[in-house]
Amino acid sequence: MTLLTVWPDTEPDTVVVRTSDPVEIADVLGRLGVRYERWPVVPGVTRENALEVYREQVERVTRDEGYVLVDAMEMTPSDDPAWLESADAARRRFLAEHTHGDDEDRFFARGAGVFYLHIGDRVHAVLCEAGDLLSVPRNTTHWFDMGTRPDYVSIRFFHDDDGWVGDFTGSPIAGSFPTFDALMAGR
């Protein structure tokens, strides 16, 4: 179940909004220019078949938003030390507050992750799960947490062939707010 939690950006212990109501989530995010949609959840989706399984929805978003590159990525937990090291390095990179010169559209076909949007004087954490599409507008300050044992398949949309390019702010703010693991445990 999707969860939206909002805090003042200087008070990570003060929750001002906490909801799992998809209509309320779409309303709150929509007022910020952030698009949130729910797509049907299809069991058995992998990186290899995600684009075909969600072909109709992908074609609509690509057409409506003018994307030129769409791909799928997958993180599946493993006890292999090399995988654990790689997953930890990827998590640390995305946990740093950053912006993009492009919109960041992600659809979660399987699993979960949290986008933290730092807009104005608020931090909006959107715990996305299977069936959630979130579109973070270009130049929105944010970070992403996939947890200590990442497990998801996501479809990513890009306006240019460079794919994911982050401009890091250098702010330590991400370390002040509850992590993916803490949000999952506190539901």
N, C-alpha and C. Protein backbone atom coordinates (compact mmCIF):
# COMPACT_ATOMS: atom_id res chain seq x y z
N MET A 1 0.84 -1.17 0.00
CA MET A 1 0.00 0.00 0.00
C MET A 1 0.89 1.24 0.00
N THR A 2 0.62 2.16 -0.89
CA THR A 2 1.36 3.42 -0.99
C THR A 2 1.16 4.23 0.28
N LEU A 3 2.21 4.93 0.70
CA LEU A 3 2.14 5.75 1.90
C LEU A 3 2.80 7.09 1.62
N LEU A 4 2.12 8.17 1.94
CA LEU A 4 2.68 9.51 1.85
C LEU A 4 2.85 10.05 3.26
N THR A 5 4.07 10.48 3.58
CA THR A 5 4.36 11.10 4.86
C THR A 5 5.02 12.44 4.58
N VAL A 6 4.57 13.50 5.26
CA VAL A 6 5.11 14.84 5.04
C VAL A 6 5.59 15.39 6.38
N TRP A 7 6.79 15.96 6.37
CA TRP A 7 7.37 16.60 7.55
C TRP A 7 7.84 18.01 7.17
N PRO A 8 7.94 18.93 8.15
CA PRO A 8 8.70 20.16 7.90
C PRO A 8 10.16 19.75 7.65
N ASP A 9 10.86 20.45 6.75
CA ASP A 9 12.21 20.00 6.42
C ASP A 9 13.22 20.16 7.54
N THR A 10 12.86 20.89 8.59
CA THR A 10 13.76 21.05 9.73
C THR A 10 13.29 20.26 10.96
N GLU A 11 12.18 19.51 10.81
CA GLU A 11 11.61 18.78 11.95
C GLU A 11 11.21 17.36 11.54
N PRO A 12 12.18 16.47 11.37
CA PRO A 12 11.87 15.11 10.93
C PRO A 12 11.07 14.28 11.93
N ASP A 13 10.86 14.81 13.13
CA ASP A 13 10.05 14.09 14.12
C ASP A 13 8.60 14.59 14.15
N THR A 14 8.28 15.59 13.30
CA THR A 14 6.94 16.19 13.30
C THR A 14 6.23 15.84 11.99
N VAL A 15 5.35 14.85 12.04
CA VAL A 15 4.58 14.45 10.85
C VAL A 15 3.39 15.39 10.70
N VAL A 16 3.26 16.02 9.52
CA VAL A 16 2.12 16.91 9.28
C VAL A 16 1.06 16.26 8.39
N VAL A 17 1.46 15.25 7.62
CA VAL A 17 0.51 14.47 6.81
C VAL A 17 1.02 13.03 6.78
N ARG A 18 0.11 12.10 6.96
CA ARG A 18 0.42 10.67 6.80
C ARG A 18 -0.84 10.02 6.28
N THR A 19 -0.77 9.50 5.05
CA THR A 19 -1.96 8.91 4.45
C THR A 19 -1.59 7.80 3.49
N SER A 20 -2.48 6.82 3.41
CA SER A 20 -2.37 5.77 2.40
C SER A 20 -3.56 5.80 1.45
N ASP A 21 -4.35 6.86 1.53
CA ASP A 21 -5.50 7.04 0.64
C ASP A 21 -4.99 7.52 -0.72
N PRO A 22 -5.13 6.71 -1.78
CA PRO A 22 -4.59 7.08 -3.09
C PRO A 22 -5.15 8.39 -3.65
N VAL A 23 -6.40 8.69 -3.35
CA VAL A 23 -7.00 9.94 -3.83
C VAL A 23 -6.34 11.14 -3.13
N GLU A 24 -6.15 11.03 -1.83
CA GLU A 24 -5.49 12.10 -1.08
C GLU A 24 -4.03 12.24 -1.51
N ILE A 25 -3.35 11.12 -1.72
CA ILE A 25 -1.95 11.16 -2.17
C ILE A 25 -1.87 11.88 -3.51
N ALA A 26 -2.72 11.51 -4.46
CA ALA A 26 -2.70 12.15 -5.78
C ALA A 26 -3.00 13.64 -5.66
N ASP A 27 -3.92 14.02 -4.76
CA ASP A 27 -4.27 15.42 -4.58
C ASP A 27 -3.10 16.22 -4.00
N VAL A 28 -2.51 15.72 -2.92
CA VAL A 28 -1.38 16.43 -2.28
C VAL A 28 -0.23 16.57 -3.28
N LEU A 29 0.13 15.48 -3.94
CA LEU A 29 1.23 15.52 -4.89
C LEU A 29 0.90 16.36 -6.11
N GLY A 30 -0.33 16.28 -6.58
CA GLY A 30 -0.75 17.07 -7.75
C GLY A 30 -0.59 18.56 -7.52
N ARG A 31 -0.86 19.02 -6.30
CA ARG A 31 -0.68 20.44 -5.98
C ARG A 31 0.78 20.87 -6.05
N LEU A 32 1.68 19.89 -6.01
CA LEU A 32 3.11 20.16 -6.12
C LEU A 32 3.63 19.97 -7.54
N GLY A 33 2.75 19.61 -8.46
CA GLY A 33 3.16 19.35 -9.83
C GLY A 33 3.70 17.94 -10.04
N VAL A 34 3.48 17.07 -9.05
CA VAL A 34 3.96 15.68 -9.10
C VAL A 34 2.79 14.79 -9.49
N ARG A 35 2.98 13.99 -10.55
CA ARG A 35 1.92 13.10 -11.00
C ARG A 35 2.06 11.75 -10.31
N TYR A 36 0.93 11.24 -9.83
CA TYR A 36 0.88 9.93 -9.20
C TYR A 36 -0.29 9.17 -9.84
N GLU A 37 0.00 7.97 -10.30
CA GLU A 37 -1.04 7.12 -10.90
C GLU A 37 -0.90 5.70 -10.34
N ARG A 38 -2.00 4.96 -10.41
CA ARG A 38 -2.00 3.53 -10.09
C ARG A 38 -2.28 2.76 -11.36
N TRP A 39 -1.45 1.75 -11.64
CA TRP A 39 -1.64 0.84 -12.76
C TRP A 39 -1.94 -0.54 -12.18
N PRO A 40 -2.55 -1.42 -12.95
CA PRO A 40 -2.81 -2.77 -12.46
C PRO A 40 -1.51 -3.49 -12.11
N VAL A 41 -1.55 -4.29 -11.07
CA VAL A 41 -0.39 -5.11 -10.69
C VAL A 41 -0.50 -6.45 -11.40
N VAL A 42 0.56 -6.83 -12.10
CA VAL A 42 0.60 -8.09 -12.82
C VAL A 42 1.66 -8.98 -12.17
N PRO A 43 1.28 -10.13 -11.65
CA PRO A 43 2.26 -11.03 -11.01
C PRO A 43 3.31 -11.52 -12.01
N GLY A 44 4.51 -11.80 -11.51
CA GLY A 44 5.56 -12.41 -12.33
C GLY A 44 6.31 -11.46 -13.24
N VAL A 45 6.24 -10.15 -12.99
CA VAL A 45 6.94 -9.20 -13.85
C VAL A 45 8.43 -9.20 -13.51
N THR A 46 9.25 -9.23 -14.56
CA THR A 46 10.70 -9.16 -14.44
C THR A 46 11.22 -8.01 -15.30
N ARG A 47 12.49 -7.72 -15.15
CA ARG A 47 13.09 -6.69 -16.01
C ARG A 47 12.93 -7.06 -17.48
N GLU A 48 13.04 -8.35 -17.77
CA GLU A 48 12.98 -8.80 -19.17
C GLU A 48 11.59 -8.66 -19.78
N ASN A 49 10.52 -8.80 -19.00
CA ASN A 49 9.18 -8.76 -19.61
C ASN A 49 8.37 -7.52 -19.24
N ALA A 50 8.88 -6.65 -18.39
CA ALA A 50 8.10 -5.51 -17.88
C ALA A 50 7.58 -4.60 -18.99
N LEU A 51 8.42 -4.28 -19.96
CA LEU A 51 7.98 -3.36 -21.01
C LEU A 51 6.87 -3.96 -21.87
N GLU A 52 6.90 -5.25 -22.07
CA GLU A 52 5.84 -5.91 -22.84
C GLU A 52 4.57 -6.04 -22.00
N VAL A 53 4.70 -6.43 -20.75
CA VAL A 53 3.53 -6.59 -19.88
C VAL A 53 2.77 -5.27 -19.76
N TYR A 54 3.51 -4.15 -19.66
CA TYR A 54 2.88 -2.83 -19.48
C TYR A 54 2.95 -1.99 -20.76
N ARG A 55 3.00 -2.66 -21.91
CA ARG A 55 3.17 -1.97 -23.20
C ARG A 55 2.16 -0.84 -23.40
N GLU A 56 0.88 -1.09 -23.15
CA GLU A 56 -0.16 -0.08 -23.38
C GLU A 56 0.07 1.17 -22.52
N GLN A 57 0.34 0.98 -21.25
CA GLN A 57 0.57 2.11 -20.35
C GLN A 57 1.87 2.84 -20.71
N VAL A 58 2.92 2.09 -21.03
CA VAL A 58 4.20 2.69 -21.41
C VAL A 58 4.04 3.53 -22.67
N GLU A 59 3.33 2.99 -23.66
CA GLU A 59 3.10 3.75 -24.89
C GLU A 59 2.33 5.04 -24.62
N ARG A 60 1.35 5.00 -23.74
CA ARG A 60 0.57 6.20 -23.41
C ARG A 60 1.44 7.26 -22.76
N VAL A 61 2.22 6.86 -21.75
CA VAL A 61 3.08 7.83 -21.05
C VAL A 61 4.14 8.37 -22.00
N THR A 62 4.74 7.50 -22.79
CA THR A 62 5.77 7.93 -23.74
C THR A 62 5.20 8.94 -24.73
N ARG A 63 4.03 8.65 -25.26
CA ARG A 63 3.37 9.55 -26.22
C ARG A 63 2.99 10.87 -25.55
N ASP A 64 2.33 10.79 -24.39
CA ASP A 64 1.83 12.00 -23.72
C ASP A 64 2.95 12.90 -23.20
N GLU A 65 4.05 12.31 -22.76
CA GLU A 65 5.13 13.09 -22.12
C GLU A 65 6.35 13.29 -23.02
N GLY A 66 6.37 12.66 -24.20
CA GLY A 66 7.47 12.87 -25.14
C GLY A 66 8.77 12.18 -24.77
N TYR A 67 8.70 11.06 -24.08
CA TYR A 67 9.92 10.35 -23.71
C TYR A 67 10.53 9.66 -24.92
N VAL A 68 11.88 9.57 -24.93
CA VAL A 68 12.58 8.93 -26.05
C VAL A 68 13.30 7.66 -25.62
N LEU A 69 13.46 7.46 -24.31
CA LEU A 69 14.14 6.28 -23.80
C LEU A 69 13.32 5.72 -22.64
N VAL A 70 13.02 4.44 -22.73
CA VAL A 70 12.30 3.75 -21.66
C VAL A 70 13.05 2.45 -21.41
N ASP A 71 13.31 2.15 -20.14
CA ASP A 71 13.95 0.88 -19.82
C ASP A 71 13.35 0.31 -18.55
N ALA A 72 13.80 -0.86 -18.20
CA ALA A 72 13.35 -1.51 -16.96
C ALA A 72 14.60 -1.93 -16.20
N MET A 73 14.52 -1.80 -14.88
CA MET A 73 15.62 -2.26 -14.04
C MET A 73 15.07 -3.14 -12.94
N GLU A 74 15.93 -4.00 -12.43
CA GLU A 74 15.50 -4.96 -11.41
C GLU A 74 16.57 -5.08 -10.34
N MET A 75 16.12 -5.10 -9.12
CA MET A 75 16.98 -5.40 -7.98
C MET A 75 16.30 -6.56 -7.25
N THR A 76 16.99 -7.67 -7.15
CA THR A 76 16.47 -8.85 -6.45
C THR A 76 17.48 -9.25 -5.40
N PRO A 77 17.05 -9.35 -4.13
CA PRO A 77 18.00 -9.64 -3.06
C PRO A 77 18.78 -10.93 -3.26
N SER A 78 20.02 -10.87 -2.78
CA SER A 78 20.91 -12.02 -2.84
C SER A 78 21.82 -11.97 -1.62
N ASP A 79 22.32 -13.11 -1.24
CA ASP A 79 23.29 -13.15 -0.14
C ASP A 79 24.73 -13.14 -0.68
N ASP A 80 24.89 -13.05 -1.97
CA ASP A 80 26.21 -12.97 -2.59
C ASP A 80 26.89 -11.68 -2.12
N PRO A 81 28.08 -11.77 -1.53
CA PRO A 81 28.76 -10.56 -1.04
C PRO A 81 28.95 -9.49 -2.10
N ALA A 82 29.20 -9.88 -3.35
CA ALA A 82 29.37 -8.89 -4.42
C ALA A 82 28.06 -8.15 -4.67
N TRP A 83 26.94 -8.88 -4.64
CA TRP A 83 25.64 -8.23 -4.83
C TRP A 83 25.36 -7.27 -3.68
N LEU A 84 25.61 -7.71 -2.45
CA LEU A 84 25.37 -6.87 -1.28
C LEU A 84 26.19 -5.58 -1.35
N GLU A 85 27.44 -5.69 -1.76
CA GLU A 85 28.30 -4.51 -1.89
C GLU A 85 27.79 -3.58 -2.98
N SER A 86 27.39 -4.14 -4.11
CA SER A 86 26.87 -3.34 -5.23
C SER A 86 25.55 -2.64 -4.84
N ALA A 87 24.66 -3.37 -4.17
CA ALA A 87 23.38 -2.79 -3.76
C ALA A 87 23.60 -1.67 -2.76
N ASP A 88 24.53 -1.86 -1.83
CA ASP A 88 24.82 -0.83 -0.83
C ASP A 88 25.39 0.42 -1.50
N ALA A 89 26.28 0.25 -2.47
CA ALA A 89 26.86 1.40 -3.18
C ALA A 89 25.78 2.15 -3.95
N ALA A 90 24.88 1.43 -4.63
CA ALA A 90 23.79 2.08 -5.37
C ALA A 90 22.87 2.82 -4.41
N ARG A 91 22.55 2.20 -3.30
CA ARG A 91 21.66 2.85 -2.32
C ARG A 91 22.28 4.14 -1.82
N ARG A 92 23.55 4.12 -1.45
CA ARG A 92 24.21 5.32 -0.94
C ARG A 92 24.20 6.44 -1.98
N ARG A 93 24.36 6.10 -3.24
CA ARG A 93 24.36 7.12 -4.30
C ARG A 93 23.01 7.80 -4.39
N PHE A 94 21.94 7.02 -4.41
CA PHE A 94 20.60 7.59 -4.56
C PHE A 94 20.11 8.28 -3.30
N LEU A 95 20.69 7.94 -2.13
CA LEU A 95 20.30 8.57 -0.87
C LEU A 95 20.78 10.01 -0.76
N ALA A 96 21.71 10.41 -1.59
CA ALA A 96 22.19 11.78 -1.57
C ALA A 96 21.17 12.68 -2.28
N GLU A 97 20.84 13.82 -1.63
CA GLU A 97 19.88 14.75 -2.23
C GLU A 97 20.43 15.26 -3.57
N HIS A 98 19.54 15.28 -4.57
CA HIS A 98 19.95 15.68 -5.92
C HIS A 98 18.75 16.21 -6.71
N THR A 99 19.03 16.71 -7.88
CA THR A 99 18.01 17.12 -8.85
C THR A 99 18.38 16.49 -10.19
N HIS A 100 17.48 16.64 -11.15
CA HIS A 100 17.73 16.21 -12.53
C HIS A 100 17.27 17.31 -13.47
N GLY A 101 17.92 17.42 -14.61
CA GLY A 101 17.47 18.33 -15.65
C GLY A 101 16.34 17.73 -16.46
N ASP A 102 15.86 16.57 -16.07
CA ASP A 102 14.78 15.85 -16.76
C ASP A 102 13.77 15.41 -15.70
N ASP A 103 12.53 15.19 -16.12
CA ASP A 103 11.56 14.59 -15.21
C ASP A 103 12.06 13.19 -14.84
N GLU A 104 11.66 12.73 -13.68
CA GLU A 104 12.00 11.36 -13.28
C GLU A 104 10.70 10.60 -13.09
N ASP A 105 10.32 9.84 -14.10
CA ASP A 105 9.12 9.01 -14.05
C ASP A 105 9.52 7.58 -13.77
N ARG A 106 8.92 7.00 -12.73
CA ARG A 106 9.19 5.61 -12.37
C ARG A 106 7.88 4.90 -12.11
N PHE A 107 7.79 3.70 -12.66
CA PHE A 107 6.65 2.82 -12.38
C PHE A 107 7.20 1.60 -11.67
N PHE A 108 6.62 1.26 -10.53
CA PHE A 108 7.02 0.08 -9.79
C PHE A 108 6.12 -1.09 -10.20
N ALA A 109 6.70 -2.04 -10.93
CA ALA A 109 5.97 -3.23 -11.36
C ALA A 109 6.00 -4.29 -10.26
N ARG A 110 7.06 -4.25 -9.44
CA ARG A 110 7.21 -5.19 -8.33
C ARG A 110 8.01 -4.50 -7.24
N GLY A 111 7.74 -4.84 -5.98
CA GLY A 111 8.55 -4.34 -4.88
C GLY A 111 8.20 -2.93 -4.47
N ALA A 112 9.20 -2.23 -3.90
CA ALA A 112 8.93 -0.91 -3.33
C ALA A 112 10.20 -0.07 -3.24
N GLY A 113 10.00 1.22 -3.08
CA GLY A 113 11.07 2.19 -2.86
C GLY A 113 10.44 3.49 -2.40
N VAL A 114 11.23 4.39 -1.81
CA VAL A 114 10.70 5.66 -1.31
C VAL A 114 11.38 6.82 -2.03
N PHE A 115 10.57 7.69 -2.61
CA PHE A 115 11.05 8.96 -3.13
C PHE A 115 10.77 10.01 -2.07
N TYR A 116 11.79 10.77 -1.70
CA TYR A 116 11.68 11.88 -0.76
C TYR A 116 11.80 13.16 -1.57
N LEU A 117 10.72 13.93 -1.63
CA LEU A 117 10.69 15.17 -2.40
C LEU A 117 10.86 16.34 -1.45
N HIS A 118 11.92 17.11 -1.62
CA HIS A 118 12.19 18.27 -0.77
C HIS A 118 11.71 19.50 -1.53
N ILE A 119 10.47 19.88 -1.25
CA ILE A 119 9.82 20.98 -1.98
C ILE A 119 9.46 22.07 -0.98
N GLY A 120 10.00 23.28 -1.21
CA GLY A 120 9.76 24.37 -0.28
C GLY A 120 10.33 24.00 1.07
N ASP A 121 9.53 24.16 2.13
CA ASP A 121 10.00 23.85 3.48
C ASP A 121 9.46 22.53 3.99
N ARG A 122 9.14 21.61 3.08
CA ARG A 122 8.59 20.30 3.44
C ARG A 122 9.36 19.18 2.74
N VAL A 123 9.36 18.02 3.40
CA VAL A 123 9.85 16.79 2.78
C VAL A 123 8.65 15.86 2.68
N HIS A 124 8.37 15.42 1.44
CA HIS A 124 7.26 14.51 1.15
C HIS A 124 7.86 13.15 0.80
N ALA A 125 7.66 12.15 1.65
CA ALA A 125 8.14 10.80 1.38
C ALA A 125 7.00 10.01 0.76
N VAL A 126 7.23 9.51 -0.45
CA VAL A 126 6.24 8.70 -1.14
C VAL A 126 6.77 7.28 -1.20
N LEU A 127 6.21 6.42 -0.33
CA LEU A 127 6.57 5.01 -0.33
C LEU A 127 5.78 4.36 -1.46
N CYS A 128 6.46 4.12 -2.58
CA CYS A 128 5.83 3.54 -3.76
C CYS A 128 5.94 2.03 -3.71
N GLU A 129 4.86 1.36 -4.11
CA GLU A 129 4.85 -0.09 -4.19
C GLU A 129 4.32 -0.51 -5.56
N ALA A 130 4.28 -1.81 -5.79
CA ALA A 130 3.84 -2.32 -7.08
C ALA A 130 2.53 -1.67 -7.50
N GLY A 131 2.50 -1.16 -8.73
CA GLY A 131 1.32 -0.50 -9.28
C GLY A 131 1.41 1.01 -9.26
N ASP A 132 2.44 1.58 -8.63
CA ASP A 132 2.57 3.03 -8.51
C ASP A 132 3.46 3.62 -9.61
N LEU A 133 2.97 4.68 -10.23
CA LEU A 133 3.77 5.51 -11.14
C LEU A 133 3.91 6.86 -10.48
N LEU A 134 5.14 7.34 -10.36
CA LEU A 134 5.42 8.64 -9.78
C LEU A 134 6.25 9.43 -10.77
N SER A 135 5.85 10.67 -11.01
CA SER A 135 6.59 11.54 -11.92
C SER A 135 7.10 12.74 -11.14
N VAL A 136 8.42 12.76 -10.91
CA VAL A 136 9.06 13.86 -10.20
C VAL A 136 9.49 14.89 -11.25
N PRO A 137 8.94 16.12 -11.18
CA PRO A 137 9.29 17.12 -12.20
C PRO A 137 10.77 17.49 -12.18
N ARG A 138 11.29 17.83 -13.33
CA ARG A 138 12.69 18.25 -13.46
C ARG A 138 13.00 19.33 -12.43
N ASN A 139 14.23 19.33 -11.97
CA ASN A 139 14.75 20.31 -11.00
C ASN A 139 14.12 20.23 -9.62
N THR A 140 13.37 19.17 -9.33
CA THR A 140 12.82 18.97 -7.99
C THR A 140 13.89 18.32 -7.13
N THR A 141 14.20 18.93 -6.00
CA THR A 141 15.20 18.38 -5.09
C THR A 141 14.61 17.14 -4.41
N HIS A 142 15.35 16.03 -4.46
CA HIS A 142 14.83 14.78 -3.92
C HIS A 142 15.96 13.79 -3.68
N TRP A 143 15.59 12.65 -3.07
CA TRP A 143 16.48 11.49 -2.96
C TRP A 143 15.60 10.26 -2.98
N PHE A 144 16.23 9.09 -3.13
CA PHE A 144 15.51 7.84 -3.25
C PHE A 144 16.16 6.80 -2.35
N ASP A 145 15.33 6.02 -1.65
CA ASP A 145 15.84 4.95 -0.81
C ASP A 145 15.17 3.64 -1.21
N MET A 146 15.99 2.67 -1.58
CA MET A 146 15.50 1.36 -1.98
C MET A 146 15.63 0.33 -0.86
N GLY A 147 16.11 0.77 0.31
CA GLY A 147 16.23 -0.12 1.46
C GLY A 147 17.53 -0.89 1.48
N THR A 148 17.76 -1.58 2.57
CA THR A 148 19.00 -2.33 2.76
C THR A 148 19.05 -3.63 1.96
N ARG A 149 17.88 -4.13 1.54
CA ARG A 149 17.81 -5.32 0.68
C ARG A 149 16.86 -5.01 -0.47
N PRO A 150 17.34 -4.21 -1.44
CA PRO A 150 16.47 -3.77 -2.54
C PRO A 150 15.79 -4.94 -3.25
N ASP A 151 14.51 -4.74 -3.53
CA ASP A 151 13.72 -5.78 -4.20
C ASP A 151 12.63 -5.09 -5.00
N TYR A 152 12.91 -4.82 -6.27
CA TYR A 152 11.90 -4.18 -7.11
C TYR A 152 12.22 -4.35 -8.59
N VAL A 153 11.17 -4.17 -9.40
CA VAL A 153 11.29 -4.01 -10.84
C VAL A 153 10.63 -2.67 -11.14
N SER A 154 11.35 -1.80 -11.82
CA SER A 154 10.77 -0.51 -12.17
C SER A 154 10.98 -0.22 -13.65
N ILE A 155 10.04 0.54 -14.19
CA ILE A 155 10.14 1.04 -15.56
C ILE A 155 10.50 2.51 -15.45
N ARG A 156 11.54 2.92 -16.19
CA ARG A 156 12.04 4.28 -16.14
C ARG A 156 11.85 4.96 -17.50
N PHE A 157 11.51 6.24 -17.45
CA PHE A 157 11.23 7.02 -18.66
C PHE A 157 12.19 8.21 -18.71
N PHE A 158 12.75 8.50 -19.91
CA PHE A 158 13.70 9.59 -20.06
C PHE A 158 13.39 10.41 -21.33
N HIS A 159 13.68 11.71 -21.26
CA HIS A 159 13.52 12.59 -22.41
C HIS A 159 14.74 12.62 -23.32
N ASP A 160 15.87 12.11 -22.87
CA ASP A 160 17.05 12.05 -23.74
C ASP A 160 17.77 10.72 -23.52
N ASP A 161 18.70 10.43 -24.41
CA ASP A 161 19.38 9.14 -24.40
C ASP A 161 20.42 8.98 -23.30
N ASP A 162 20.69 10.04 -22.53
CA ASP A 162 21.68 9.95 -21.47
C ASP A 162 21.17 9.18 -20.26
N GLY A 163 19.86 9.00 -20.14
CA GLY A 163 19.29 8.28 -19.00
C GLY A 163 19.42 9.06 -17.71
N TRP A 164 19.73 8.36 -16.61
CA TRP A 164 19.75 8.95 -15.28
C TRP A 164 21.02 9.78 -15.10
N VAL A 165 20.85 11.09 -14.86
CA VAL A 165 21.95 12.00 -14.57
C VAL A 165 21.53 12.84 -13.37
N GLY A 166 22.26 12.71 -12.26
CA GLY A 166 21.93 13.45 -11.04
C GLY A 166 22.88 14.61 -10.81
N ASP A 167 22.32 15.72 -10.35
CA ASP A 167 23.09 16.89 -9.92
C ASP A 167 22.96 16.97 -8.41
N PHE A 168 24.01 16.59 -7.69
CA PHE A 168 23.95 16.45 -6.24
C PHE A 168 24.11 17.80 -5.54
N THR A 169 23.28 18.01 -4.50
CA THR A 169 23.28 19.29 -3.78
C THR A 169 24.36 19.36 -2.72
N GLY A 170 24.83 18.24 -2.21
CA GLY A 170 25.80 18.23 -1.13
C GLY A 170 25.17 18.37 0.25
N SER A 171 23.85 18.50 0.32
CA SER A 171 23.15 18.64 1.59
C SER A 171 23.09 17.30 2.31
N PRO A 172 23.25 17.31 3.64
CA PRO A 172 23.13 16.07 4.43
C PRO A 172 21.69 15.77 4.87
N ILE A 173 20.70 16.49 4.37
CA ILE A 173 19.32 16.39 4.85
C ILE A 173 18.77 14.97 4.83
N ALA A 174 19.14 14.19 3.84
CA ALA A 174 18.58 12.83 3.72
C ALA A 174 18.85 11.99 4.96
N GLY A 175 19.95 12.23 5.63
CA GLY A 175 20.28 11.47 6.83
C GLY A 175 19.43 11.80 8.03
N SER A 176 18.59 12.84 7.93
CA SER A 176 17.76 13.26 9.06
C SER A 176 16.39 12.60 9.09
N PHE A 177 15.98 12.00 8.00
CA PHE A 177 14.61 11.49 7.88
C PHE A 177 14.57 9.97 7.93
N PRO A 178 13.42 9.40 8.34
CA PRO A 178 13.31 7.94 8.41
C PRO A 178 13.63 7.28 7.07
N THR A 179 14.34 6.17 7.13
CA THR A 179 14.73 5.43 5.94
C THR A 179 13.57 4.58 5.41
N PHE A 180 13.79 4.00 4.25
CA PHE A 180 12.84 3.04 3.68
C PHE A 180 12.51 1.96 4.70
N ASP A 181 13.55 1.38 5.30
CA ASP A 181 13.33 0.29 6.26
C ASP A 181 12.50 0.74 7.45
N ALA A 182 12.76 1.96 7.95
CA ALA A 182 11.99 2.48 9.08
C ALA A 182 10.54 2.75 8.69
N LEU A 183 10.32 3.29 7.49
CA LEU A 183 8.94 3.55 7.04
C LEU A 183 8.17 2.24 6.87
N MET A 184 8.84 1.22 6.29
CA MET A 184 8.17 -0.08 6.11
C MET A 184 7.81 -0.69 7.46
N ALA A 185 8.72 -0.58 8.41
CA ALA A 185 8.48 -1.16 9.74
C ALA A 185 7.40 -0.43 10.50
N GLY A 186 7.23 0.87 10.25
CA GLY A 186 6.28 1.69 11.01
C GLY A 186 4.89 1.79 10.41
N ARG A 187 4.62 1.04 9.36
CA ARG A 187 3.29 1.15 8.74
C ARG A 187 2.21 0.60 9.59
